[in-house]
């Protein structure tokens, strides 16, 4: 223990609790099953597939292309990398 534990008491608020001593429920004792809305699994799967198969690949290609474009424009103004050519 690091000394940050607070005992649950109604008379004093824990100095480390958020929002004036409001205690959050302990997740270890949350055994109640939450109902899944109809179609929620399908929507979550569709959003995951959209992100995994469309959005992220498109964004990665766009970022690599943008970087290449920036390097290309930079080299137009400054010349290619390497030692300067003598006599040209």
C-alpha atoms as a PDB file:
ATOM      1  CA  UNK A   1       0.000   0.000   0.000  1.00  0.00           C
ATOM      2  CA  UNK A   2       1.203   3.459  -0.803  1.00  0.00           C
ATOM      3  CA  UNK A   3      -0.795   5.145   1.909  1.00  0.00           C
ATOM      4  CA  UNK A   4      -3.527   6.408  -0.411  1.00  0.00           C
ATOM      5  CA  UNK A   5      -6.283   4.080   0.758  1.00  0.00           C
ATOM      6  CA  UNK A   6      -9.360   5.570   2.367  1.00  0.00           C
ATOM      7  CA  UNK A   7     -11.772   3.786   4.627  1.00  0.00           C
ATOM      8  CA  UNK A   8     -15.412   4.121   3.677  1.00  0.00           C
ATOM      9  CA  UNK A   9     -17.037   6.335   6.265  1.00  0.00           C
ATOM     10  CA  UNK A  10     -20.129   8.488   6.225  1.00  0.00           C
ATOM     11  CA  UNK A  11     -18.730  11.147   8.525  1.00  0.00           C
ATOM     12  CA  UNK A  12     -15.521  12.064   6.680  1.00  0.00           C
ATOM     13  CA  UNK A  13     -14.808  12.218   2.988  1.00  0.00           C
ATOM     14  CA  UNK A  14     -11.734  10.619   1.516  1.00  0.00           C
ATOM     15  CA  UNK A  15      -9.255  13.362   0.520  1.00  0.00           C
ATOM     16  CA  UNK A  16      -8.373  11.409  -2.635  1.00  0.00           C
ATOM     17  CA  UNK A  17     -11.962  10.841  -3.817  1.00  0.00           C
ATOM     18  CA  UNK A  18     -13.237  12.859  -6.728  1.00  0.00           C
ATOM     19  CA  UNK A  19     -16.064  15.387  -6.578  1.00  0.00           C
ATOM     20  CA  UNK A  20     -16.250  16.057  -2.887  1.00  0.00           C
ATOM     21  CA  UNK A  21     -16.051  12.563  -1.486  1.00  0.00           C
ATOM     22  CA  UNK A  22     -18.406  10.717  -3.834  1.00  0.00           C
ATOM     23  CA  UNK A  23     -17.397   7.074  -3.728  1.00  0.00           C
ATOM     24  CA  UNK A  24     -17.405   5.162  -6.999  1.00  0.00           C
ATOM     25  CA  UNK A  25     -18.753   1.608  -6.956  1.00  0.00           C
ATOM     26  CA  UNK A  26     -16.148  -1.120  -6.778  1.00  0.00           C
ATOM     27  CA  UNK A  27     -15.987  -2.997 -10.087  1.00  0.00           C
ATOM     28  CA  UNK A  28     -15.052  -6.254  -8.325  1.00  0.00           C
ATOM     29  CA  UNK A  29     -18.572  -6.528  -6.934  1.00  0.00           C
ATOM     30  CA  UNK A  30     -20.359  -5.675 -10.175  1.00  0.00           C
ATOM     31  CA  UNK A  31     -21.858  -9.049 -11.036  1.00  0.00           C
ATOM     32  CA  UNK A  32     -25.060  -7.817 -12.656  1.00  0.00           C
ATOM     33  CA  UNK A  33     -25.337  -8.784 -16.311  1.00  0.00           C
ATOM     34  CA  UNK A  34     -25.987  -5.880 -18.638  1.00  0.00           C
ATOM     35  CA  UNK A  35     -28.449  -6.543 -21.424  1.00  0.00           C
ATOM     36  CA  UNK A  36     -27.145  -6.159 -24.962  1.00  0.00           C
ATOM     37  CA  UNK A  37     -29.331  -4.048 -27.211  1.00  0.00           C
ATOM     38  CA  UNK A  38     -30.604  -5.721 -30.375  1.00  0.00           C
ATOM     39  CA  UNK A  39     -28.123  -5.218 -33.188  1.00  0.00           C
ATOM     40  CA  UNK A  40     -25.384  -3.856 -30.902  1.00  0.00           C
ATOM     41  CA  UNK A  41     -22.960  -6.688 -31.693  1.00  0.00           C
ATOM     42  CA  UNK A  42     -23.515  -6.233 -35.425  1.00  0.00           C
ATOM     43  CA  UNK A  43     -22.941  -2.456 -35.181  1.00  0.00           C
ATOM     44  CA  UNK A  44     -19.753  -2.944 -33.146  1.00  0.00           C
ATOM     45  CA  UNK A  45     -18.471  -5.539 -35.624  1.00  0.00           C
ATOM     46  CA  UNK A  46     -19.336  -3.290 -38.582  1.00  0.00           C
ATOM     47  CA  UNK A  47     -17.545  -0.312 -37.007  1.00  0.00           C
ATOM     48  CA  UNK A  48     -14.501  -2.447 -36.200  1.00  0.00           C
ATOM     49  CA  UNK A  49     -14.320  -3.795 -39.750  1.00  0.00           C
ATOM     50  CA  UNK A  50     -14.732  -0.305 -41.184  1.00  0.00           C
ATOM     51  CA  UNK A  51     -11.869   0.966 -39.043  1.00  0.00           C
ATOM     52  CA  UNK A  52      -9.625  -2.065 -39.564  1.00  0.00           C
ATOM     53  CA  UNK A  53     -10.169  -2.558 -43.290  1.00  0.00           C
ATOM     54  CA  UNK A  54     -10.874   0.939 -44.597  1.00  0.00           C
ATOM     55  CA  UNK A  55     -10.095   3.916 -42.389  1.00  0.00           C
ATOM     56  CA  UNK A  56      -6.686   2.898 -40.958  1.00  0.00           C
ATOM     57  CA  UNK A  57      -5.204   1.676 -44.268  1.00  0.00           C
ATOM     58  CA  UNK A  58      -6.388   4.819 -46.060  1.00  0.00           C
ATOM     59  CA  UNK A  59      -4.989   7.059 -43.328  1.00  0.00           C
ATOM     60  CA  UNK A  60      -1.654   5.257 -43.281  1.00  0.00           C
ATOM     61  CA  UNK A  61      -1.284   5.575 -47.060  1.00  0.00           C
ATOM     62  CA  UNK A  62      -2.281   9.246 -46.846  1.00  0.00           C
ATOM     63  CA  UNK A  63       0.312   9.964 -44.140  1.00  0.00           C
ATOM     64  CA  UNK A  64       3.110   8.202 -46.029  1.00  0.00           C
ATOM     65  CA  UNK A  65       2.100  10.008 -49.227  1.00  0.00           C
ATOM     66  CA  UNK A  66       2.002  13.368 -47.457  1.00  0.00           C
ATOM     67  CA  UNK A  67       5.467  12.760 -46.008  1.00  0.00           C
ATOM     68  CA  UNK A  68       6.789  11.857 -49.456  1.00  0.00           C
ATOM     69  CA  UNK A  69       5.220  14.977 -50.920  1.00  0.00           C
ATOM     70  CA  UNK A  70       6.823  17.152 -48.238  1.00  0.00           C
ATOM     71  CA  UNK A  71      10.250  15.589 -48.901  1.00  0.00           C
ATOM     72  CA  UNK A  72       9.777  16.030 -52.655  1.00  0.00           C
ATOM     73  CA  UNK A  73       8.861  19.733 -52.308  1.00  0.00           C
ATOM     74  CA  UNK A  74      11.778  20.252 -49.888  1.00  0.00           C
ATOM     75  CA  UNK A  75      14.202  18.704 -52.364  1.00  0.00           C
ATOM     76  CA  UNK A  76      12.872  20.866 -55.186  1.00  0.00           C
ATOM     77  CA  UNK A  77      13.977  23.943 -53.237  1.00  0.00           C
ATOM     78  CA  UNK A  78      17.148  22.610 -51.589  1.00  0.00           C
ATOM     79  CA  UNK A  79      18.388  19.981 -54.022  1.00  0.00           C
ATOM     80  CA  UNK A  80      18.913  16.277 -53.443  1.00  0.00           C
ATOM     81  CA  UNK A  81      20.754  15.096 -50.334  1.00  0.00           C
ATOM     82  CA  UNK A  82      24.448  14.347 -50.494  1.00  0.00           C
ATOM     83  CA  UNK A  83      27.680  16.238 -50.939  1.00  0.00           C
ATOM     84  CA  UNK A  84      27.558  19.261 -53.216  1.00  0.00           C
ATOM     85  CA  UNK A  85      28.715  18.710 -56.752  1.00  0.00           C
ATOM     86  CA  UNK A  86      31.892  20.587 -57.684  1.00  0.00           C
ATOM     87  CA  UNK A  87      31.997  22.511 -60.951  1.00  0.00           C
ATOM     88  CA  UNK A  88      28.341  22.377 -61.850  1.00  0.00           C
END
